[in-house]
Amino acid sequence: MNEQPYSTSTDVVEIDAMGQPCPMPLLMLKRQLKKSTSAQMFCLKSSDPHSEIDVTRYCQIHDLKCTFSKLSEHEFHYLIES
């Protein structure tokens, strides 16, 4: 039996912003949040180190839970719960 990393009651939407300069990662996140009709989780992948400031500040302002992970010098992941 395989264990799922996320709850099956919540969909995880992947947003691939790799190679996109700021502010594109944040704009791509905003687009997906607008499309969302129910509580979802979003995994935003970015290669721009400046995205950390933009995304985390946006999540704070809009009361979204955001978990930041730096995978390498050029890969950053954000798990955002709406």
N, C-alpha and C. Protein backbone atom coordinates (compact mmCIF):
# COMPACT_ATOMS: atom_id res chain seq x y z
N MET A 1 0.84 -1.18 0.00
CA MET A 1 0.00 0.00 0.00
C MET A 1 0.89 1.25 0.00
N ASN A 2 0.72 2.11 -0.99
CA ASN A 2 1.51 3.34 -1.10
C ASN A 2 0.87 4.44 -0.30
N GLU A 3 1.70 5.17 0.43
CA GLU A 3 1.21 6.30 1.20
C GLU A 3 1.34 7.56 0.37
N GLN A 4 0.30 8.39 0.34
CA GLN A 4 0.31 9.63 -0.42
C GLN A 4 0.91 10.73 0.45
N PRO A 5 1.76 11.61 -0.12
CA PRO A 5 2.36 12.67 0.67
C PRO A 5 1.35 13.74 1.08
N TYR A 6 0.24 13.85 0.35
CA TYR A 6 -0.77 14.86 0.64
C TYR A 6 -2.11 14.18 0.85
N SER A 7 -2.98 14.86 1.52
CA SER A 7 -4.33 14.36 1.78
C SER A 7 -5.06 14.14 0.46
N THR A 8 -5.77 13.03 0.34
CA THR A 8 -6.51 12.73 -0.89
C THR A 8 -7.73 13.62 -1.03
N SER A 9 -8.17 14.27 0.04
CA SER A 9 -9.34 15.14 -0.05
C SER A 9 -8.97 16.51 -0.63
N THR A 10 -7.70 16.79 -0.76
CA THR A 10 -7.23 18.06 -1.29
C THR A 10 -6.36 17.80 -2.52
N ASP A 11 -6.69 18.45 -3.63
CA ASP A 11 -5.90 18.32 -4.83
C ASP A 11 -4.66 19.20 -4.73
N VAL A 12 -3.55 18.70 -5.28
CA VAL A 12 -2.33 19.51 -5.35
C VAL A 12 -2.15 19.92 -6.80
N VAL A 13 -2.14 21.22 -7.03
CA VAL A 13 -1.97 21.77 -8.37
C VAL A 13 -0.52 22.20 -8.51
N GLU A 14 0.16 21.66 -9.51
CA GLU A 14 1.56 22.03 -9.75
C GLU A 14 1.62 23.23 -10.68
N ILE A 15 2.41 24.22 -10.29
CA ILE A 15 2.63 25.42 -11.10
C ILE A 15 4.12 25.47 -11.41
N ASP A 16 4.46 25.23 -12.66
CA ASP A 16 5.87 25.19 -13.06
C ASP A 16 6.30 26.54 -13.62
N ALA A 17 7.00 27.33 -12.80
CA ALA A 17 7.49 28.64 -13.22
C ALA A 17 9.01 28.62 -13.40
N MET A 18 9.57 27.43 -13.59
CA MET A 18 11.02 27.31 -13.79
C MET A 18 11.42 28.09 -15.04
N GLY A 19 12.48 28.88 -14.92
CA GLY A 19 12.98 29.67 -16.05
C GLY A 19 12.25 30.99 -16.25
N GLN A 20 11.24 31.25 -15.44
CA GLN A 20 10.47 32.49 -15.56
C GLN A 20 10.99 33.52 -14.55
N PRO A 21 11.34 34.72 -15.03
CA PRO A 21 11.81 35.75 -14.09
C PRO A 21 10.63 36.36 -13.32
N CYS A 22 10.94 36.95 -12.16
CA CYS A 22 9.90 37.66 -11.40
C CYS A 22 9.38 38.80 -12.25
N PRO A 23 8.12 39.07 -12.20
CA PRO A 23 7.11 38.58 -11.26
C PRO A 23 6.29 37.40 -11.78
N MET A 24 6.74 36.71 -12.82
CA MET A 24 5.94 35.64 -13.42
C MET A 24 5.54 34.53 -12.44
N PRO A 25 6.43 34.02 -11.57
CA PRO A 25 5.98 32.97 -10.65
C PRO A 25 4.78 33.41 -9.80
N LEU A 26 4.81 34.65 -9.31
CA LEU A 26 3.70 35.16 -8.51
C LEU A 26 2.45 35.32 -9.37
N LEU A 27 2.59 35.81 -10.57
CA LEU A 27 1.43 35.98 -11.45
C LEU A 27 0.81 34.63 -11.81
N MET A 28 1.65 33.62 -12.02
CA MET A 28 1.14 32.28 -12.33
C MET A 28 0.39 31.70 -11.12
N LEU A 29 0.88 31.96 -9.91
CA LEU A 29 0.20 31.53 -8.69
C LEU A 29 -1.16 32.22 -8.58
N LYS A 30 -1.18 33.54 -8.78
CA LYS A 30 -2.43 34.29 -8.68
C LYS A 30 -3.47 33.75 -9.66
N ARG A 31 -3.05 33.43 -10.89
CA ARG A 31 -3.95 32.88 -11.90
C ARG A 31 -4.58 31.57 -11.41
N GLN A 32 -3.75 30.70 -10.85
CA GLN A 32 -4.26 29.41 -10.37
C GLN A 32 -5.19 29.60 -9.17
N LEU A 33 -4.87 30.53 -8.29
CA LEU A 33 -5.73 30.79 -7.14
C LEU A 33 -7.11 31.29 -7.59
N LYS A 34 -7.15 32.12 -8.63
CA LYS A 34 -8.43 32.61 -9.16
C LYS A 34 -9.27 31.47 -9.72
N LYS A 35 -8.62 30.49 -10.35
CA LYS A 35 -9.33 29.35 -10.95
C LYS A 35 -9.88 28.41 -9.88
N SER A 36 -9.30 28.44 -8.70
CA SER A 36 -9.65 27.52 -7.63
C SER A 36 -11.06 27.82 -7.10
N THR A 37 -11.87 26.77 -7.03
CA THR A 37 -13.23 26.93 -6.52
C THR A 37 -13.38 26.38 -5.11
N SER A 38 -12.40 25.60 -4.67
CA SER A 38 -12.45 25.02 -3.32
C SER A 38 -11.05 25.04 -2.73
N ALA A 39 -10.94 24.59 -1.50
CA ALA A 39 -9.63 24.55 -0.83
C ALA A 39 -8.72 23.61 -1.60
N GLN A 40 -7.57 24.10 -1.95
CA GLN A 40 -6.59 23.31 -2.69
C GLN A 40 -5.21 23.60 -2.16
N MET A 41 -4.28 22.75 -2.58
CA MET A 41 -2.87 22.98 -2.31
C MET A 41 -2.19 23.22 -3.66
N PHE A 42 -1.23 24.11 -3.66
CA PHE A 42 -0.50 24.46 -4.87
C PHE A 42 0.98 24.25 -4.61
N CYS A 43 1.66 23.63 -5.56
CA CYS A 43 3.10 23.47 -5.50
C CYS A 43 3.70 24.35 -6.60
N LEU A 44 4.23 25.49 -6.20
CA LEU A 44 4.85 26.42 -7.14
C LEU A 44 6.34 26.13 -7.20
N LYS A 45 6.83 25.88 -8.42
CA LYS A 45 8.26 25.63 -8.62
C LYS A 45 8.84 26.83 -9.36
N SER A 46 9.90 27.39 -8.81
CA SER A 46 10.51 28.58 -9.38
C SER A 46 12.03 28.46 -9.40
N SER A 47 12.65 29.11 -10.37
CA SER A 47 14.11 29.15 -10.44
C SER A 47 14.64 30.54 -10.08
N ASP A 48 13.75 31.49 -9.85
CA ASP A 48 14.15 32.86 -9.55
C ASP A 48 14.26 33.05 -8.03
N PRO A 49 15.47 33.35 -7.53
CA PRO A 49 15.64 33.51 -6.08
C PRO A 49 14.81 34.66 -5.49
N HIS A 50 14.46 35.66 -6.31
CA HIS A 50 13.66 36.79 -5.84
C HIS A 50 12.21 36.40 -5.59
N SER A 51 11.79 35.25 -6.10
CA SER A 51 10.40 34.81 -5.93
C SER A 51 10.08 34.57 -4.46
N GLU A 52 11.08 34.24 -3.65
CA GLU A 52 10.83 33.96 -2.23
C GLU A 52 10.17 35.16 -1.54
N ILE A 53 10.69 36.34 -1.78
CA ILE A 53 10.14 37.55 -1.16
C ILE A 53 8.72 37.80 -1.66
N ASP A 54 8.53 37.75 -2.97
CA ASP A 54 7.22 38.03 -3.58
C ASP A 54 6.16 37.05 -3.11
N VAL A 55 6.47 35.76 -3.20
CA VAL A 55 5.48 34.72 -2.90
C VAL A 55 5.15 34.69 -1.41
N THR A 56 6.17 34.72 -0.56
CA THR A 56 5.89 34.64 0.87
C THR A 56 5.14 35.88 1.36
N ARG A 57 5.47 37.05 0.85
CA ARG A 57 4.76 38.27 1.24
C ARG A 57 3.30 38.22 0.78
N TYR A 58 3.09 37.78 -0.46
CA TYR A 58 1.72 37.66 -0.98
C TYR A 58 0.89 36.71 -0.11
N CYS A 59 1.49 35.58 0.26
CA CYS A 59 0.78 34.60 1.09
C CYS A 59 0.45 35.17 2.47
N GLN A 60 1.37 35.92 3.05
CA GLN A 60 1.11 36.55 4.35
C GLN A 60 -0.06 37.52 4.26
N ILE A 61 -0.06 38.36 3.25
CA ILE A 61 -1.11 39.37 3.08
C ILE A 61 -2.48 38.72 2.89
N HIS A 62 -2.51 37.58 2.19
CA HIS A 62 -3.78 36.92 1.87
C HIS A 62 -4.09 35.72 2.77
N ASP A 63 -3.40 35.63 3.90
CA ASP A 63 -3.63 34.56 4.89
C ASP A 63 -3.59 33.16 4.27
N LEU A 64 -2.60 32.93 3.44
CA LEU A 64 -2.38 31.61 2.85
C LEU A 64 -1.19 30.96 3.56
N LYS A 65 -1.30 29.69 3.86
CA LYS A 65 -0.19 28.98 4.48
C LYS A 65 0.82 28.64 3.38
N CYS A 66 2.08 29.02 3.58
CA CYS A 66 3.11 28.81 2.57
C CYS A 66 4.33 28.15 3.23
N THR A 67 4.76 27.05 2.64
CA THR A 67 5.97 26.36 3.09
C THR A 67 7.00 26.47 1.99
N PHE A 68 8.15 27.04 2.31
CA PHE A 68 9.21 27.28 1.34
C PHE A 68 10.29 26.22 1.46
N SER A 69 10.76 25.71 0.31
CA SER A 69 11.88 24.76 0.28
C SER A 69 12.86 25.17 -0.79
N LYS A 70 14.13 25.24 -0.41
CA LYS A 70 15.19 25.54 -1.39
C LYS A 70 15.85 24.21 -1.73
N LEU A 71 15.62 23.72 -2.96
CA LEU A 71 16.17 22.44 -3.37
C LEU A 71 17.61 22.56 -3.87
N SER A 72 17.92 23.71 -4.49
CA SER A 72 19.28 23.97 -4.97
C SER A 72 19.41 25.48 -5.16
N GLU A 73 20.55 25.91 -5.69
CA GLU A 73 20.77 27.33 -5.94
C GLU A 73 19.74 27.92 -6.89
N HIS A 74 19.18 27.06 -7.76
CA HIS A 74 18.28 27.54 -8.80
C HIS A 74 16.94 26.82 -8.81
N GLU A 75 16.55 26.24 -7.69
CA GLU A 75 15.23 25.60 -7.63
C GLU A 75 14.62 25.79 -6.26
N PHE A 76 13.45 26.45 -6.28
CA PHE A 76 12.72 26.78 -5.07
C PHE A 76 11.30 26.27 -5.20
N HIS A 77 10.80 25.63 -4.16
CA HIS A 77 9.43 25.12 -4.17
C HIS A 77 8.64 25.77 -3.05
N TYR A 78 7.39 26.06 -3.35
CA TYR A 78 6.48 26.65 -2.37
C TYR A 78 5.23 25.78 -2.33
N LEU A 79 4.86 25.31 -1.16
CA LEU A 79 3.63 24.56 -0.98
C LEU A 79 2.65 25.54 -0.34
N ILE A 80 1.60 25.87 -1.08
CA ILE A 80 0.67 26.90 -0.65
C ILE A 80 -0.71 26.26 -0.45
N GLU A 81 -1.31 26.54 0.69
CA GLU A 81 -2.65 26.03 0.99
C GLU A 81 -3.63 27.19 0.97
N SER A 82 -4.70 27.01 0.18
CA SER A 82 -5.72 28.06 0.13
C SER A 82 -6.91 27.71 0.99
